[in-house]
PDB file of N, CA and C in Angstrom:
ATOM      1  N   UNK A   1     -18.661  -3.149  44.104  1.00  0.00           N
ATOM      2  CA  UNK A   1     -17.257  -3.225  43.415  1.00  0.00           C
ATOM      3  C   UNK A   1     -17.323  -4.770  43.907  1.00  0.00           C
ATOM      4  N   UNK A   2     -16.940  -5.473  43.804  1.00  0.00           N
ATOM      5  CA  UNK A   2     -16.332  -7.264  43.984  1.00  0.00           C
ATOM      6  C   UNK A   2     -15.047  -6.418  45.306  1.00  0.00           C
ATOM      7  N   UNK A   3     -13.945  -5.961  45.092  1.00  0.00           N
ATOM      8  CA  UNK A   3     -13.196  -5.395  46.068  1.00  0.00           C
ATOM      9  C   UNK A   3     -13.904  -5.009  47.435  1.00  0.00           C
ATOM     10  N   UNK A   4     -14.710  -4.069  47.973  1.00  0.00           N
ATOM     11  CA  UNK A   4     -15.533  -3.840  48.594  1.00  0.00           C
ATOM     12  C   UNK A   4     -15.230  -5.336  49.800  1.00  0.00           C
ATOM     13  N   UNK A   5     -16.408  -6.349  48.583  1.00  0.00           N
ATOM     14  CA  UNK A   5     -17.047  -8.041  48.870  1.00  0.00           C
ATOM     15  C   UNK A   5     -15.918  -8.179  50.011  1.00  0.00           C
ATOM     16  N   UNK A   6     -14.706  -8.567  49.423  1.00  0.00           N
ATOM     17  CA  UNK A   6     -13.637  -9.106  50.280  1.00  0.00           C
ATOM     18  C   UNK A   6     -13.296  -7.860  51.396  1.00  0.00           C
ATOM     19  N   UNK A   7     -13.450  -6.900  51.178  1.00  0.00           N
ATOM     20  CA  UNK A   7     -12.923  -5.883  52.393  1.00  0.00           C
ATOM     21  C   UNK A   7     -13.829  -6.225  53.293  1.00  0.00           C
ATOM     22  N   UNK A   8     -14.974  -6.401  53.365  1.00  0.00           N
ATOM     23  CA  UNK A   8     -16.023  -6.070  53.749  1.00  0.00           C
ATOM     24  C   UNK A   8     -15.835  -8.363  55.019  1.00  0.00           C
ATOM     25  N   UNK A   9     -15.486  -9.463  53.959  1.00  0.00           N
ATOM     26  CA  UNK A   9     -14.703 -10.504  54.812  1.00  0.00           C
ATOM     27  C   UNK A   9     -13.833 -10.769  55.306  1.00  0.00           C
ATOM     28  N   UNK A  10     -12.812 -10.442  54.480  1.00  0.00           N
ATOM     29  CA  UNK A  10     -11.242 -10.057  55.477  1.00  0.00           C
ATOM     30  C   UNK A  10     -11.108  -9.723  56.198  1.00  0.00           C
ATOM     31  N   UNK A  11     -10.506 -10.211  57.296  1.00  0.00           N
ATOM     32  CA  UNK A  11      -9.785  -9.778  58.516  1.00  0.00           C
ATOM     33  C   UNK A  11      -8.726  -7.859  57.849  1.00  0.00           C
ATOM     34  N   UNK A  12      -8.542  -7.337  58.103  1.00  0.00           N
ATOM     35  CA  UNK A  12      -7.736  -5.934  57.745  1.00  0.00           C
ATOM     36  C   UNK A  12      -6.647  -6.149  57.176  1.00  0.00           C
ATOM     37  N   UNK A  13      -5.811  -7.101  57.465  1.00  0.00           N
ATOM     38  CA  UNK A  13      -4.884  -7.839  57.509  1.00  0.00           C
ATOM     39  C   UNK A  13      -4.930  -8.166  55.855  1.00  0.00           C
ATOM     40  N   UNK A  14      -5.529  -9.804  56.195  1.00  0.00           N
ATOM     41  CA  UNK A  14      -5.767  -9.812  55.101  1.00  0.00           C
ATOM     42  C   UNK A  14      -6.403  -9.785  54.059  1.00  0.00           C
ATOM     43  N   UNK A  15      -6.910  -8.528  54.116  1.00  0.00           N
ATOM     44  CA  UNK A  15      -7.215  -7.466  52.681  1.00  0.00           C
ATOM     45  C   UNK A  15      -6.338  -6.938  52.079  1.00  0.00           C
ATOM     46  N   UNK A  16      -5.447  -6.424  52.989  1.00  0.00           N
ATOM     47  CA  UNK A  16      -4.453  -5.744  52.846  1.00  0.00           C
ATOM     48  C   UNK A  16      -3.608  -6.207  51.169  1.00  0.00           C
ATOM     49  N   UNK A  17      -3.413  -8.156  52.432  1.00  0.00           N
ATOM     50  CA  UNK A  17      -2.345  -8.432  51.134  1.00  0.00           C
ATOM     51  C   UNK A  17      -2.897  -9.033  49.948  1.00  0.00           C
ATOM     52  N   UNK A  18      -4.548  -9.260  50.189  1.00  0.00           N
ATOM     53  CA  UNK A  18      -5.808  -9.465  48.845  1.00  0.00           C
ATOM     54  C   UNK A  18      -5.293  -8.193  47.682  1.00  0.00           C
ATOM     55  N   UNK A  19      -5.275  -6.967  48.698  1.00  0.00           N
ATOM     56  CA  UNK A  19      -5.355  -5.797  47.315  1.00  0.00           C
ATOM     57  C   UNK A  19      -4.006  -5.207  46.982  1.00  0.00           C
ATOM     58  N   UNK A  20      -2.751  -6.378  47.943  1.00  0.00           N
ATOM     59  CA  UNK A  20      -1.568  -5.406  47.205  1.00  0.00           C
ATOM     60  C   UNK A  20      -1.079  -6.756  46.313  1.00  0.00           C
ATOM     61  N   UNK A  21      -1.766  -8.479  46.331  1.00  0.00           N
ATOM     62  CA  UNK A  21      -1.233  -9.368  45.359  1.00  0.00           C
ATOM     63  C   UNK A  21      -0.739  -9.317  44.326  1.00  0.00           C
ATOM     64  N   UNK A  22      -1.720  -8.762  43.091  1.00  0.00           N
ATOM     65  CA  UNK A  22      -1.398  -8.400  42.272  1.00  0.00           C
ATOM     66  C   UNK A  22       0.191  -7.966  41.522  1.00  0.00           C
ATOM     67  N   UNK A  23       0.527  -6.922  42.734  1.00  0.00           N
ATOM     68  CA  UNK A  23       1.834  -6.537  42.338  1.00  0.00           C
ATOM     69  C   UNK A  23       3.071  -7.470  42.876  1.00  0.00           C
ATOM     70  N   UNK A  24       3.016  -7.506  43.502  1.00  0.00           N
ATOM     71  CA  UNK A  24       4.300  -8.049  43.669  1.00  0.00           C
ATOM     72  C   UNK A  24       4.813  -8.822  42.967  1.00  0.00           C
ATOM     73  N   UNK A  25       6.510  -8.855  42.949  1.00  0.00           N
ATOM     74  CA  UNK A  25       6.953  -8.948  41.526  1.00  0.00           C
ATOM     75  C   UNK A  25       7.648  -8.137  40.482  1.00  0.00           C
ATOM     76  N   UNK A  26       6.148  -7.719  40.139  1.00  0.00           N
ATOM     77  CA  UNK A  26       5.587  -7.040  39.057  1.00  0.00           C
ATOM     78  C   UNK A  26       6.311  -4.949  39.185  1.00  0.00           C
ATOM     79  N   UNK A  27       6.374  -4.685  40.322  1.00  0.00           N
ATOM     80  CA  UNK A  27       8.020  -3.254  40.601  1.00  0.00           C
ATOM     81  C   UNK A  27       8.959  -3.364  40.851  1.00  0.00           C
ATOM     82  N   UNK A  28       8.919  -2.280  41.096  1.00  0.00           N
ATOM     83  CA  UNK A  28      10.506  -2.282  41.295  1.00  0.00           C
ATOM     84  C   UNK A  28      10.370  -0.990  42.708  1.00  0.00           C
ATOM     85  N   UNK A  29       9.463  -1.643  43.557  1.00  0.00           N
ATOM     86  CA  UNK A  29       9.471  -1.076  44.523  1.00  0.00           C
ATOM     87  C   UNK A  29       9.555  -1.755  46.276  1.00  0.00           C
ATOM     88  N   UNK A  30       9.719  -2.776  45.867  1.00  0.00           N
ATOM     89  CA  UNK A  30       9.825  -3.246  47.534  1.00  0.00           C
ATOM     90  C   UNK A  30      10.655  -3.887  48.012  1.00  0.00           C
ATOM     91  N   UNK A  31      11.040  -4.767  48.118  1.00  0.00           N
ATOM     92  CA  UNK A  31      12.395  -5.240  49.635  1.00  0.00           C
ATOM     93  C   UNK A  31      13.361  -5.520  48.310  1.00  0.00           C
ATOM     94  N   UNK A  32      15.161  -4.355  48.651  1.00  0.00           N
ATOM     95  CA  UNK A  32      16.030  -4.490  47.759  1.00  0.00           C
ATOM     96  C   UNK A  32      15.923  -4.334  46.306  1.00  0.00           C
ATOM     97  N   UNK A  33      14.420  -4.090  46.031  1.00  0.00           N
ATOM     98  CA  UNK A  33      15.088  -3.571  44.373  1.00  0.00           C
ATOM     99  C   UNK A  33      14.829  -1.312  44.289  1.00  0.00           C
ATOM    100  N   UNK A  34      15.412  -1.514  43.357  1.00  0.00           N
ATOM    101  CA  UNK A  34      15.856  -0.153  43.138  1.00  0.00           C
ATOM    102  C   UNK A  34      15.043   0.829  43.648  1.00  0.00           C
ATOM    103  N   UNK A  35      14.134   0.756  44.108  1.00  0.00           N
ATOM    104  CA  UNK A  35      13.187   2.881  44.364  1.00  0.00           C
ATOM    105  C   UNK A  35      12.945   1.674  46.427  1.00  0.00           C
ATOM    106  N   UNK A  36      13.244   0.963  46.648  1.00  0.00           N
ATOM    107  CA  UNK A  36      12.953   0.753  47.384  1.00  0.00           C
ATOM    108  C   UNK A  36      12.950   1.823  49.135  1.00  0.00           C
ATOM    109  N   UNK A  37      14.504   2.242  49.011  1.00  0.00           N
ATOM    110  CA  UNK A  37      15.041   3.220  49.901  1.00  0.00           C
ATOM    111  C   UNK A  37      13.676   4.493  49.687  1.00  0.00           C
ATOM    112  N   UNK A  38      13.412   4.824  48.494  1.00  0.00           N
ATOM    113  CA  UNK A  38      12.932   5.849  48.592  1.00  0.00           C
ATOM    114  C   UNK A  38      11.139   6.014  48.819  1.00  0.00           C
ATOM    115  N   UNK A  39      10.696   4.301  48.635  1.00  0.00           N
ATOM    116  CA  UNK A  39       9.446   4.298  49.522  1.00  0.00           C
ATOM    117  C   UNK A  39       9.322   4.264  51.572  1.00  0.00           C
ATOM    118  N   UNK A  40      10.444   3.370  51.566  1.00  0.00           N
ATOM    119  CA  UNK A  40      10.396   4.251  53.111  1.00  0.00           C
ATOM    120  C   UNK A  40      10.794   4.408  53.700  1.00  0.00           C
ATOM    121  N   UNK A  41      11.359   5.962  52.723  1.00  0.00           N
ATOM    122  CA  UNK A  41      11.420   7.543  53.162  1.00  0.00           C
ATOM    123  C   UNK A  41      10.151   7.766  53.073  1.00  0.00           C
ATOM    124  N   UNK A  42       9.234   7.831  52.126  1.00  0.00           N
ATOM    125  CA  UNK A  42       8.006   8.078  51.796  1.00  0.00           C
ATOM    126  C   UNK A  42       6.645   7.848  52.793  1.00  0.00           C
ATOM    127  N   UNK A  43       7.019   6.697  53.785  1.00  0.00           N
ATOM    128  CA  UNK A  43       5.975   5.857  54.631  1.00  0.00           C
ATOM    129  C   UNK A  43       6.668   6.080  55.897  1.00  0.00           C
ATOM    130  N   UNK A  44       7.288   6.700  56.279  1.00  0.00           N
ATOM    131  CA  UNK A  44       8.428   7.266  57.420  1.00  0.00           C
ATOM    132  C   UNK A  44       7.922   8.406  57.504  1.00  0.00           C
ATOM    133  N   UNK A  45       7.628   9.643  56.563  1.00  0.00           N
ATOM    134  CA  UNK A  45       6.398  10.959  55.845  1.00  0.00           C
ATOM    135  C   UNK A  45       5.765  10.557  56.080  1.00  0.00           C
ATOM    136  N   UNK A  46       5.035  10.149  55.985  1.00  0.00           N
ATOM    137  CA  UNK A  46       3.403   9.850  55.841  1.00  0.00           C
ATOM    138  C   UNK A  46       2.765   9.046  57.655  1.00  0.00           C
ATOM    139  N   UNK A  47       3.528   8.410  57.766  1.00  0.00           N
ATOM    140  CA  UNK A  47       3.503   7.789  59.688  1.00  0.00           C
ATOM    141  C   UNK A  47       3.854   9.238  60.198  1.00  0.00           C
ATOM    142  N   UNK A  48       4.535  10.582  59.789  1.00  0.00           N
ATOM    143  CA  UNK A  48       5.411  11.466  60.923  1.00  0.00           C
ATOM    144  C   UNK A  48       4.236  12.179  60.483  1.00  0.00           C
ATOM    145  N   UNK A  49       3.009  11.979  60.004  1.00  0.00           N
ATOM    146  CA  UNK A  49       2.015  12.956  58.925  1.00  0.00           C
ATOM    147  C   UNK A  49       2.132  14.104  58.421  1.00  0.00           C
ATOM    148  N   UNK A  50       3.341  14.044  57.373  1.00  0.00           N
ATOM    149  CA  UNK A  50       4.023  15.146  56.886  1.00  0.00           C
ATOM    150  C   UNK A  50       2.966  15.171  55.900  1.00  0.00           C
ATOM    151  N   UNK A  51       3.054  14.115  55.357  1.00  0.00           N
ATOM    152  CA  UNK A  51       2.550  14.470  53.384  1.00  0.00           C
ATOM    153  C   UNK A  51       1.005  14.465  53.251  1.00  0.00           C
ATOM    154  N   UNK A  52       0.612  15.863  53.060  1.00  0.00           N
ATOM    155  CA  UNK A  52      -0.412  16.024  52.613  1.00  0.00           C
ATOM    156  C   UNK A  52      -1.492  15.532  51.856  1.00  0.00           C
ATOM    157  N   UNK A  53      -0.968  15.431  50.334  1.00  0.00           N
ATOM    158  CA  UNK A  53      -1.044  15.507  49.874  1.00  0.00           C
ATOM    159  C   UNK A  53      -1.465  13.724  49.991  1.00  0.00           C
ATOM    160  N   UNK A  54      -0.777  13.105  49.838  1.00  0.00           N
ATOM    161  CA  UNK A  54      -1.161  11.337  50.313  1.00  0.00           C
ATOM    162  C   UNK A  54      -2.402  11.535  51.641  1.00  0.00           C
ATOM    163  N   UNK A  55      -1.921  12.043  52.366  1.00  0.00           N
ATOM    164  CA  UNK A  55      -3.489  12.160  53.609  1.00  0.00           C
ATOM    165  C   UNK A  55      -4.817  12.606  52.830  1.00  0.00           C
ATOM    166  N   UNK A  56      -4.877  13.619  52.132  1.00  0.00           N
ATOM    167  CA  UNK A  56      -6.089  13.627  50.476  1.00  0.00           C
ATOM    168  C   UNK A  56      -6.239  12.652  50.124  1.00  0.00           C
ATOM    169  N   UNK A  57      -5.309  12.381  49.053  1.00  0.00           N
ATOM    170  CA  UNK A  57      -5.395  11.357  48.822  1.00  0.00           C
ATOM    171  C   UNK A  57      -6.299   9.816  48.693  1.00  0.00           C
ATOM    172  N   UNK A  58      -5.866   9.456  50.208  1.00  0.00           N
ATOM    173  CA  UNK A  58      -6.052   8.315  50.469  1.00  0.00           C
ATOM    174  C   UNK A  58      -6.188   7.845  52.530  1.00  0.00           C
ATOM    175  N   UNK A  59      -6.831   9.406  52.395  1.00  0.00           N
ATOM    176  CA  UNK A  59      -7.417   9.235  53.355  1.00  0.00           C
ATOM    177  C   UNK A  59      -8.702   8.645  54.486  1.00  0.00           C
ATOM    178  N   UNK A  60      -9.192   8.319  53.467  1.00  0.00           N
ATOM    179  CA  UNK A  60     -10.780   7.790  53.479  1.00  0.00           C
ATOM    180  C   UNK A  60     -10.446   6.110  54.006  1.00  0.00           C
ATOM    181  N   UNK A  61      -9.317   5.571  53.163  1.00  0.00           N
ATOM    182  CA  UNK A  61      -8.980   4.083  52.519  1.00  0.00           C
ATOM    183  C   UNK A  61      -7.668   3.996  53.819  1.00  0.00           C
ATOM    184  N   UNK A  62      -7.488   5.268  54.219  1.00  0.00           N
ATOM    185  CA  UNK A  62      -6.235   4.921  55.757  1.00  0.00           C
ATOM    186  C   UNK A  62      -6.991   5.062  57.116  1.00  0.00           C
ATOM    187  N   UNK A  63      -8.458   5.496  56.813  1.00  0.00           N
ATOM    188  CA  UNK A  63      -9.559   5.862  57.769  1.00  0.00           C
ATOM    189  C   UNK A  63      -9.888   3.989  58.495  1.00  0.00           C
ATOM    190  N   UNK A  64     -10.332   3.668  57.562  1.00  0.00           N
ATOM    191  CA  UNK A  64     -11.344   2.746  57.065  1.00  0.00           C
ATOM    192  C   UNK A  64      -9.852   1.372  58.038  1.00  0.00           C
ATOM    193  N   UNK A  65      -8.459   1.378  57.320  1.00  0.00           N
ATOM    194  CA  UNK A  65      -7.570   0.151  57.594  1.00  0.00           C
ATOM    195  C   UNK A  65      -7.382   0.491  58.994  1.00  0.00           C
ATOM    196  N   UNK A  66      -6.799   1.995  59.873  1.00  0.00           N
ATOM    197  CA  UNK A  66      -6.755   1.937  61.368  1.00  0.00           C
ATOM    198  C   UNK A  66      -5.685   1.947  61.358  1.00  0.00           C
ATOM    199  N   UNK A  67      -5.095   2.860  62.578  1.00  0.00           N
ATOM    200  CA  UNK A  67      -3.859   3.973  62.565  1.00  0.00           C
ATOM    201  C   UNK A  67      -2.740   2.189  62.770  1.00  0.00           C
ATOM    202  N   UNK A  68      -1.815   2.801  62.549  1.00  0.00           N
ATOM    203  CA  UNK A  68      -0.229   1.851  62.118  1.00  0.00           C
ATOM    204  C   UNK A  68       0.455   1.257  64.101  1.00  0.00           C
ATOM    205  N   UNK A  69       0.276   0.354  63.968  1.00  0.00           N
ATOM    206  CA  UNK A  69       0.391  -0.718  65.239  1.00  0.00           C
ATOM    207  C   UNK A  69       1.301   0.658  65.686  1.00  0.00           C
ATOM    208  N   UNK A  70       1.424   0.750  67.302  1.00  0.00           N
ATOM    209  CA  UNK A  70       2.293   0.918  67.862  1.00  0.00           C
ATOM    210  C   UNK A  70       2.990   1.174  67.778  1.00  0.00           C
ATOM    211  N   UNK A  71       4.147  -0.556  67.755  1.00  0.00           N
ATOM    212  CA  UNK A  71       5.313  -1.269  67.545  1.00  0.00           C
ATOM    213  C   UNK A  71       6.111  -0.456  66.770  1.00  0.00           C
ATOM    214  N   UNK A  72       5.338  -0.236  65.478  1.00  0.00           N
ATOM    215  CA  UNK A  72       6.058   0.500  63.839  1.00  0.00           C
ATOM    216  C   UNK A  72       6.084   1.859  64.556  1.00  0.00           C
ATOM    217  N   UNK A  73       5.337   2.833  64.850  1.00  0.00           N
ATOM    218  CA  UNK A  73       5.121   4.127  65.104  1.00  0.00           C
ATOM    219  C   UNK A  73       5.962   4.501  66.484  1.00  0.00           C
ATOM    220  N   UNK A  74       6.188   3.770  67.226  1.00  0.00           N
ATOM    221  CA  UNK A  74       7.035   4.720  68.546  1.00  0.00           C
ATOM    222  C   UNK A  74       8.261   4.869  68.628  1.00  0.00           C
ATOM    223  N   UNK A  75       8.815   4.660  67.443  1.00  0.00           N
ATOM    224  CA  UNK A  75      10.207   5.625  67.337  1.00  0.00           C
ATOM    225  C   UNK A  75      10.978   4.842  66.064  1.00  0.00           C
ATOM    226  N   UNK A  76       9.701   5.283  64.520  1.00  0.00           N
ATOM    227  CA  UNK A  76       9.820   5.816  63.323  1.00  0.00           C
ATOM    228  C   UNK A  76      11.429   5.903  62.965  1.00  0.00           C
ATOM    229  N   UNK A  77      12.275   6.963  63.491  1.00  0.00           N
ATOM    230  CA  UNK A  77      13.758   6.028  62.374  1.00  0.00           C
ATOM    231  C   UNK A  77      14.245   4.958  63.529  1.00  0.00           C
ATOM    232  N   UNK A  78      13.886   3.944  63.919  1.00  0.00           N
ATOM    233  CA  UNK A  78      14.348   2.591  64.049  1.00  0.00           C
ATOM    234  C   UNK A  78      13.428   1.616  64.035  1.00  0.00           C
ATOM    235  N   UNK A  79      11.793   2.528  63.489  1.00  0.00           N
ATOM    236  CA  UNK A  79      11.154   1.654  62.292  1.00  0.00           C
ATOM    237  C   UNK A  79      11.746   1.583  60.698  1.00  0.00           C
ATOM    238  N   UNK A  80      12.581   2.883  60.246  1.00  0.00           N
ATOM    239  CA  UNK A  80      12.655   2.969  58.822  1.00  0.00           C
ATOM    240  C   UNK A  80      14.346   2.270  58.805  1.00  0.00           C
ATOM    241  N   UNK A  81      14.682   2.351  60.109  1.00  0.00           N
ATOM    242  CA  UNK A  81      16.543   1.907  59.490  1.00  0.00           C
ATOM    243  C   UNK A  81      16.183   1.352  59.906  1.00  0.00           C
ATOM    244  N   UNK A  82      16.028  -0.281  59.952  1.00  0.00           N
ATOM    245  CA  UNK A  82      14.879  -1.655  60.431  1.00  0.00           C
ATOM    246  C   UNK A  82      14.339  -2.185  58.822  1.00  0.00           C
ATOM    247  N   UNK A  83      13.594  -1.354  57.973  1.00  0.00           N
ATOM    248  CA  UNK A  83      12.985  -1.761  57.204  1.00  0.00           C
ATOM    249  C   UNK A  83      14.750  -1.434  55.710  1.00  0.00           C
ATOM    250  N   UNK A  84      15.208  -0.259  56.275  1.00  0.00           N
ATOM    251  CA  UNK A  84      15.438   0.506  55.318  1.00  0.00           C
ATOM    252  C   UNK A  84      16.604  -1.463  54.862  1.00  0.00           C
TER     253      UNK A  84
END
């Protein structure tokens, strides 16, 4: 699979940019777009471990990426407010 080729050769951050690049500008769930607040709420819920469906669906992917940085998870309310 071509995607695995890049995942093995890029840094985790670089791979995330590579994997998400096709969606930039083509969706309504980016910063400043109508669905952004709902996306921020969903992300905060996932970081708190409250989204079991997401964990089941994306668990392997999230394990490979690794945990969120401590600066993001130290105070999720502050992170949520900053993103909004």
